[in-house]
Amino acid sequence: MTAASGNAGDQGRRMRPCPICSKLSTQADYPFCSDRCAKIDLHRWMVEGYSIPAVETDDVDDEAEGGEDR
């Protein structure tokens, strides 16, 4: 991809709110409004701030006990 073709696609992007501060995003830092917000987001990824909590169940223990009762 050449630099010219990459820039042509960027011009058609809609301005969206920054996911960090809700200001309008800029072409240079899309989807963020600034380099600062991009770095805040990167930091959150690095410290695993964007994680889905796991719910642990004891299904394995229940299956083992169920097999002994038979």
PDB file of N, CA and C in Angstrom:
ATOM      1  N   MET A   1       0.845  -1.164   0.000  1.00  0.00           N
ATOM      2  CA  MET A   1       0.000   0.000   0.000  1.00  0.00           C
ATOM      3  C   MET A   1       0.891   1.227   0.000  1.00  0.00           C
ATOM      4  N   THR A   2       0.606   2.157  -0.821  1.00  0.00           N
ATOM      5  CA  THR A   2       1.393   3.379  -0.878  1.00  0.00           C
ATOM      6  C   THR A   2       0.854   4.395   0.099  1.00  0.00           C
ATOM      7  N   ALA A   3       1.641   5.401   0.365  1.00  0.00           N
ATOM      8  CA  ALA A   3       1.217   6.443   1.302  1.00  0.00           C
ATOM      9  C   ALA A   3      -0.004   7.188   0.763  1.00  0.00           C
ATOM     10  N   ALA A   4      -0.056   7.379  -0.548  1.00  0.00           N
ATOM     11  CA  ALA A   4      -1.181   8.110  -1.135  1.00  0.00           C
ATOM     12  C   ALA A   4      -2.483   7.327  -0.971  1.00  0.00           C
ATOM     13  N   SER A   5      -2.441   6.010  -1.184  1.00  0.00           N
ATOM     14  CA  SER A   5      -3.669   5.224  -1.063  1.00  0.00           C
ATOM     15  C   SER A   5      -4.095   5.095   0.396  1.00  0.00           C
ATOM     16  N   GLY A   6      -3.151   5.078   1.321  1.00  0.00           N
ATOM     17  CA  GLY A   6      -3.496   5.014   2.736  1.00  0.00           C
ATOM     18  C   GLY A   6      -4.169   6.286   3.208  1.00  0.00           C
ATOM     19  N   ASN A   7      -3.705   7.436   2.717  1.00  0.00           N
ATOM     20  CA  ASN A   7      -4.299   8.711   3.113  1.00  0.00           C
ATOM     21  C   ASN A   7      -5.684   8.895   2.514  1.00  0.00           C
ATOM     22  N   ALA A   8      -5.925   8.349   1.341  1.00  0.00           N
ATOM     23  CA  ALA A   8      -7.222   8.512   0.701  1.00  0.00           C
ATOM     24  C   ALA A   8      -8.310   7.838   1.528  1.00  0.00           C
ATOM     25  N   GLY A   9      -8.017   6.706   2.131  1.00  0.00           N
ATOM     26  CA  GLY A   9      -8.995   6.009   2.958  1.00  0.00           C
ATOM     27  C   GLY A   9      -9.269   6.742   4.263  1.00  0.00           C
ATOM     28  N   ASP A  10      -8.262   7.439   4.790  1.00  0.00           N
ATOM     29  CA  ASP A  10      -8.430   8.152   6.049  1.00  0.00           C
ATOM     30  C   ASP A  10      -9.358   9.353   5.908  1.00  0.00           C
ATOM     31  N   GLN A  11      -9.402   9.972   4.748  1.00  0.00           N
ATOM     32  CA  GLN A  11     -10.211  11.171   4.564  1.00  0.00           C
ATOM     33  C   GLN A  11     -11.699  10.864   4.615  1.00  0.00           C
ATOM     34  N   GLY A  12     -12.112   9.633   4.341  1.00  0.00           N
ATOM     35  CA  GLY A  12     -13.510   9.277   4.334  1.00  0.00           C
ATOM     36  C   GLY A  12     -14.041   8.867   5.702  1.00  0.00           C
ATOM     37  N   ARG A  13     -13.204   8.860   6.723  1.00  0.00           N
ATOM     38  CA  ARG A  13     -13.645   8.444   8.062  1.00  0.00           C
ATOM     39  C   ARG A  13     -14.526   9.507   8.696  1.00  0.00           C
ATOM     40  N   ARG A  14     -15.532   9.022   9.406  1.00  0.00           N
ATOM     41  CA  ARG A  14     -16.382   9.926  10.171  1.00  0.00           C
ATOM     42  C   ARG A  14     -15.677  10.306  11.461  1.00  0.00           C
ATOM     43  N   MET A  15     -15.942  11.497  11.920  1.00  0.00           N
ATOM     44  CA  MET A  15     -15.406  11.930  13.208  1.00  0.00           C
ATOM     45  C   MET A  15     -16.215  11.241  14.293  1.00  0.00           C
ATOM     46  N   ARG A  16     -15.559  10.524  15.150  1.00  0.00           N
ATOM     47  CA  ARG A  16     -16.221   9.807  16.234  1.00  0.00           C
ATOM     48  C   ARG A  16     -15.672  10.307  17.560  1.00  0.00           C
ATOM     49  N   PRO A  17     -16.431  10.114  18.623  1.00  0.00           N
ATOM     50  CA  PRO A  17     -15.917  10.540  19.931  1.00  0.00           C
ATOM     51  C   PRO A  17     -14.753   9.664  20.383  1.00  0.00           C
ATOM     52  N   CYS A  18     -13.814  10.276  21.024  1.00  0.00           N
ATOM     53  CA  CYS A  18     -12.664   9.578  21.591  1.00  0.00           C
ATOM     54  C   CYS A  18     -13.167   8.624  22.669  1.00  0.00           C
ATOM     55  N   PRO A  19     -12.712   7.360  22.682  1.00  0.00           N
ATOM     56  CA  PRO A  19     -13.187   6.417  23.696  1.00  0.00           C
ATOM     57  C   PRO A  19     -12.709   6.747  25.115  1.00  0.00           C
ATOM     58  N   ILE A  20     -11.741   7.628  25.247  1.00  0.00           N
ATOM     59  CA  ILE A  20     -11.220   7.969  26.563  1.00  0.00           C
ATOM     60  C   ILE A  20     -11.902   9.209  27.135  1.00  0.00           C
ATOM     61  N   CYS A  21     -11.962  10.306  26.348  1.00  0.00           N
ATOM     62  CA  CYS A  21     -12.473  11.571  26.894  1.00  0.00           C
ATOM     63  C   CYS A  21     -13.723  12.096  26.183  1.00  0.00           C
ATOM     64  N   SER A  22     -14.157  11.443  25.130  1.00  0.00           N
ATOM     65  CA  SER A  22     -15.375  11.790  24.374  1.00  0.00           C
ATOM     66  C   SER A  22     -15.273  13.046  23.513  1.00  0.00           C
ATOM     67  N   LYS A  23     -14.074  13.617  23.364  1.00  0.00           N
ATOM     68  CA  LYS A  23     -13.902  14.709  22.403  1.00  0.00           C
ATOM     69  C   LYS A  23     -13.891  14.096  21.009  1.00  0.00           C
ATOM     70  N   LEU A  24     -14.056  14.913  19.967  1.00  0.00           N
ATOM     71  CA  LEU A  24     -14.024  14.391  18.602  1.00  0.00           C
ATOM     72  C   LEU A  24     -12.623  13.902  18.253  1.00  0.00           C
ATOM     73  N   SER A  25     -12.551  12.774  17.573  1.00  0.00           N
ATOM     74  CA  SER A  25     -11.261  12.204  17.178  1.00  0.00           C
ATOM     75  C   SER A  25     -10.615  13.052  16.089  1.00  0.00           C
ATOM     76  N   THR A  26      -9.311  12.899  15.939  1.00  0.00           N
ATOM     77  CA  THR A  26      -8.578  13.605  14.892  1.00  0.00           C
ATOM     78  C   THR A  26      -8.078  12.588  13.876  1.00  0.00           C
ATOM     79  N   GLN A  27      -7.782  13.058  12.674  1.00  0.00           N
ATOM     80  CA  GLN A  27      -7.268  12.177  11.621  1.00  0.00           C
ATOM     81  C   GLN A  27      -5.916  11.593  12.028  1.00  0.00           C
ATOM     82  N   ALA A  28      -5.080  12.377  12.669  1.00  0.00           N
ATOM     83  CA  ALA A  28      -3.730  11.933  13.022  1.00  0.00           C
ATOM     84  C   ALA A  28      -3.727  10.857  14.115  1.00  0.00           C
ATOM     85  N   ASP A  29      -4.674  10.926  15.034  1.00  0.00           N
ATOM     86  CA  ASP A  29      -4.666  10.003  16.175  1.00  0.00           C
ATOM     87  C   ASP A  29      -5.894   9.111  16.222  1.00  0.00           C
ATOM     88  N   TYR A  30      -6.593   8.928  15.106  1.00  0.00           N
ATOM     89  CA  TYR A  30      -7.835   8.161  15.054  1.00  0.00           C
ATOM     90  C   TYR A  30      -7.653   6.788  15.678  1.00  0.00           C
ATOM     91  N   PRO A  31      -8.510   6.310  16.517  1.00  0.00           N
ATOM     92  CA  PRO A  31      -9.828   6.804  16.913  1.00  0.00           C
ATOM     93  C   PRO A  31      -9.798   7.718  18.131  1.00  0.00           C
ATOM     94  N   PHE A  32      -8.621   8.176  18.512  1.00  0.00           N
ATOM     95  CA  PHE A  32      -8.484   9.043  19.682  1.00  0.00           C
ATOM     96  C   PHE A  32      -8.407  10.501  19.262  1.00  0.00           C
ATOM     97  N   CYS A  33      -8.543  11.401  20.248  1.00  0.00           N
ATOM     98  CA  CYS A  33      -8.481  12.831  19.947  1.00  0.00           C
ATOM     99  C   CYS A  33      -7.053  13.352  20.021  1.00  0.00           C
ATOM    100  N   SER A  34      -6.183  12.631  20.722  1.00  0.00           N
ATOM    101  CA  SER A  34      -4.806  13.091  20.879  1.00  0.00           C
ATOM    102  C   SER A  34      -3.889  11.908  21.186  1.00  0.00           C
ATOM    103  N   ASP A  35      -2.614  12.176  21.124  1.00  0.00           N
ATOM    104  CA  ASP A  35      -1.621  11.156  21.462  1.00  0.00           C
ATOM    105  C   ASP A  35      -1.735  10.785  22.936  1.00  0.00           C
ATOM    106  N   ARG A  36      -2.099  11.735  23.772  1.00  0.00           N
ATOM    107  CA  ARG A  36      -2.256  11.481  25.214  1.00  0.00           C
ATOM    108  C   ARG A  36      -3.325  10.418  25.461  1.00  0.00           C
ATOM    109  N   CYS A  37      -4.482  10.549  24.818  1.00  0.00           N
ATOM    110  CA  CYS A  37      -5.553   9.563  25.007  1.00  0.00           C
ATOM    111  C   CYS A  37      -5.155   8.197  24.440  1.00  0.00           C
ATOM    112  N   ALA A  38      -4.406   8.184  23.351  1.00  0.00           N
ATOM    113  CA  ALA A  38      -3.934   6.918  22.795  1.00  0.00           C
ATOM    114  C   ALA A  38      -3.001   6.222  23.781  1.00  0.00           C
ATOM    115  N   LYS A  39      -2.156   6.984  24.456  1.00  0.00           N
ATOM    116  CA  LYS A  39      -1.228   6.403  25.432  1.00  0.00           C
ATOM    117  C   LYS A  39      -1.968   5.934  26.684  1.00  0.00           C
ATOM    118  N   ILE A  40      -3.013   6.641  27.079  1.00  0.00           N
ATOM    119  CA  ILE A  40      -3.823   6.200  28.222  1.00  0.00           C
ATOM    120  C   ILE A  40      -4.457   4.855  27.901  1.00  0.00           C
ATOM    121  N   ASP A  41      -4.992   4.721  26.689  1.00  0.00           N
ATOM    122  CA  ASP A  41      -5.615   3.460  26.274  1.00  0.00           C
ATOM    123  C   ASP A  41      -4.587   2.335  26.229  1.00  0.00           C
ATOM    124  N   LEU A  42      -3.404   2.603  25.690  1.00  0.00           N
ATOM    125  CA  LEU A  42      -2.342   1.598  25.640  1.00  0.00           C
ATOM    126  C   LEU A  42      -1.963   1.146  27.049  1.00  0.00           C
ATOM    127  N   HIS A  43      -1.870   2.088  27.971  1.00  0.00           N
ATOM    128  CA  HIS A  43      -1.543   1.739  29.351  1.00  0.00           C
ATOM    129  C   HIS A  43      -2.612   0.831  29.942  1.00  0.00           C
ATOM    130  N   ARG A  44      -3.872   1.117  29.677  1.00  0.00           N
ATOM    131  CA  ARG A  44      -4.951   0.270  30.200  1.00  0.00           C
ATOM    132  C   ARG A  44      -4.846  -1.154  29.664  1.00  0.00           C
ATOM    133  N   TRP A  45      -4.454  -1.297  28.390  1.00  0.00           N
ATOM    134  CA  TRP A  45      -4.263  -2.640  27.828  1.00  0.00           C
ATOM    135  C   TRP A  45      -3.079  -3.330  28.490  1.00  0.00           C
ATOM    136  N   MET A  46      -2.001  -2.585  28.723  1.00  0.00           N
ATOM    137  CA  MET A  46      -0.785  -3.184  29.285  1.00  0.00           C
ATOM    138  C   MET A  46      -0.976  -3.668  30.720  1.00  0.00           C
ATOM    139  N   VAL A  47      -1.772  -2.979  31.510  1.00  0.00           N
ATOM    140  CA  VAL A  47      -1.996  -3.389  32.899  1.00  0.00           C
ATOM    141  C   VAL A  47      -3.258  -4.239  33.031  1.00  0.00           C
ATOM    142  N   GLU A  48      -3.755  -4.709  31.889  1.00  0.00           N
ATOM    143  CA  GLU A  48      -4.928  -5.575  31.818  1.00  0.00           C
ATOM    144  C   GLU A  48      -6.162  -4.943  32.447  1.00  0.00           C
ATOM    145  N   GLY A  49      -6.333  -3.633  32.204  1.00  0.00           N
ATOM    146  CA  GLY A  49      -7.521  -2.933  32.671  1.00  0.00           C
ATOM    147  C   GLY A  49      -8.752  -3.334  31.888  1.00  0.00           C
ATOM    148  N   TYR A  50      -8.554  -3.833  30.675  1.00  0.00           N
ATOM    149  CA  TYR A  50      -9.655  -4.288  29.836  1.00  0.00           C
ATOM    150  C   TYR A  50      -9.717  -5.808  29.912  1.00  0.00           C
ATOM    151  N   SER A  51     -10.167  -6.332  31.008  1.00  0.00           N
ATOM    152  CA  SER A  51     -10.250  -7.780  31.130  1.00  0.00           C
ATOM    153  C   SER A  51     -11.677  -8.185  31.492  1.00  0.00           C
ATOM    154  N   ILE A  52     -12.027  -9.363  31.103  1.00  0.00           N
ATOM    155  CA  ILE A  52     -13.346  -9.902  31.408  1.00  0.00           C
ATOM    156  C   ILE A  52     -13.180 -10.802  32.627  1.00  0.00           C
ATOM    157  N   PRO A  53     -13.921 -10.518  33.694  1.00  0.00           N
ATOM    158  CA  PRO A  53     -13.768 -11.349  34.881  1.00  0.00           C
ATOM    159  C   PRO A  53     -14.233 -12.780  34.623  1.00  0.00           C
ATOM    160  N   ALA A  54     -13.468 -13.718  35.091  1.00  0.00           N
ATOM    161  CA  ALA A  54     -13.798 -15.129  34.909  1.00  0.00           C
ATOM    162  C   ALA A  54     -14.588 -15.628  36.113  1.00  0.00           C
ATOM    163  N   VAL A  55     -15.587 -16.424  35.821  1.00  0.00           N
ATOM    164  CA  VAL A  55     -16.366 -17.042  36.883  1.00  0.00           C
ATOM    165  C   VAL A  55     -15.976 -18.514  36.916  1.00  0.00           C
ATOM    166  N   GLU A  56     -15.369 -18.913  38.003  1.00  0.00           N
ATOM    167  CA  GLU A  56     -14.902 -20.292  38.103  1.00  0.00           C
ATOM    168  C   GLU A  56     -15.990 -21.154  38.726  1.00  0.00           C
ATOM    169  N   THR A  57     -16.156 -22.312  38.153  1.00  0.00           N
ATOM    170  CA  THR A  57     -17.135 -23.256  38.696  1.00  0.00           C
ATOM    171  C   THR A  57     -16.422 -24.539  39.082  1.00  0.00           C
ATOM    172  N   ASP A  58     -17.078 -25.337  39.879  1.00  0.00           N
ATOM    173  CA  ASP A  58     -16.503 -26.601  40.327  1.00  0.00           C
ATOM    174  C   ASP A  58     -17.076 -27.769  39.537  1.00  0.00           C
ATOM    175  N   ASP A  59     -17.282 -27.590  38.233  1.00  0.00           N
ATOM    176  CA  ASP A  59     -17.842 -28.639  37.396  1.00  0.00           C
ATOM    177  C   ASP A  59     -16.961 -29.878  37.366  1.00  0.00           C
ATOM    178  N   VAL A  60     -15.673 -29.710  37.375  1.00  0.00           N
ATOM    179  CA  VAL A  60     -14.759 -30.848  37.301  1.00  0.00           C
ATOM    180  C   VAL A  60     -14.906 -31.711  38.553  1.00  0.00           C
ATOM    181  N   ASP A  61     -14.997 -31.085  39.721  1.00  0.00           N
ATOM    182  CA  ASP A  61     -15.153 -31.833  40.971  1.00  0.00           C
ATOM    183  C   ASP A  61     -16.506 -32.554  41.007  1.00  0.00           C
ATOM    184  N   ASP A  62     -17.562 -31.913  40.512  1.00  0.00           N
ATOM    185  CA  ASP A  62     -18.888 -32.536  40.505  1.00  0.00           C
ATOM    186  C   ASP A  62     -18.912 -33.776  39.617  1.00  0.00           C
ATOM    187  N   GLU A  63     -18.244 -33.722  38.481  1.00  0.00           N
ATOM    188  CA  GLU A  63     -18.209 -34.868  37.575  1.00  0.00           C
ATOM    189  C   GLU A  63     -17.454 -36.038  38.207  1.00  0.00           C
ATOM    190  N   ALA A  64     -16.383 -35.745  38.908  1.00  0.00           N
ATOM    191  CA  ALA A  64     -15.599 -36.799  39.550  1.00  0.00           C
ATOM    192  C   ALA A  64     -16.416 -37.469  40.651  1.00  0.00           C
ATOM    193  N   GLU A  65     -17.148 -36.682  41.425  1.00  0.00           N
ATOM    194  CA  GLU A  65     -17.979 -37.245  42.500  1.00  0.00           C
ATOM    195  C   GLU A  65     -19.152 -38.046  41.922  1.00  0.00           C
ATOM    196  N   GLY A  66     -19.720 -37.572  40.808  1.00  0.00           N
ATOM    197  CA  GLY A  66     -20.846 -38.256  40.187  1.00  0.00           C
ATOM    198  C   GLY A  66     -20.451 -39.615  39.663  1.00  0.00           C
ATOM    199  N   GLY A  67     -19.247 -39.771  39.207  1.00  0.00           N
ATOM    200  CA  GLY A  67     -18.769 -41.044  38.679  1.00  0.00           C
ATOM    201  C   GLY A  67     -18.568 -42.075  39.779  1.00  0.00           C
ATOM    202  N   GLU A  68     -18.249 -41.630  41.005  1.00  0.00           N
ATOM    203  CA  GLU A  68     -18.027 -42.546  42.116  1.00  0.00           C
ATOM    204  C   GLU A  68     -19.345 -43.108  42.666  1.00  0.00           C
ATOM    205  N   ASP A  69     -20.442 -42.349  42.542  1.00  0.00           N
ATOM    206  CA  ASP A  69     -21.729 -42.790  43.098  1.00  0.00           C
ATOM    207  C   ASP A  69     -22.340 -43.908  42.269  1.00  0.00           C
ATOM    208  N   ARG A  70     -21.971 -44.070  41.048  1.00  0.00           N
ATOM    209  CA  ARG A  70     -22.584 -45.072  40.180  1.00  0.00           C
ATOM    210  C   ARG A  70     -22.136 -46.407  40.508  1.00  0.00           C
TER     211      ARG A  70
END
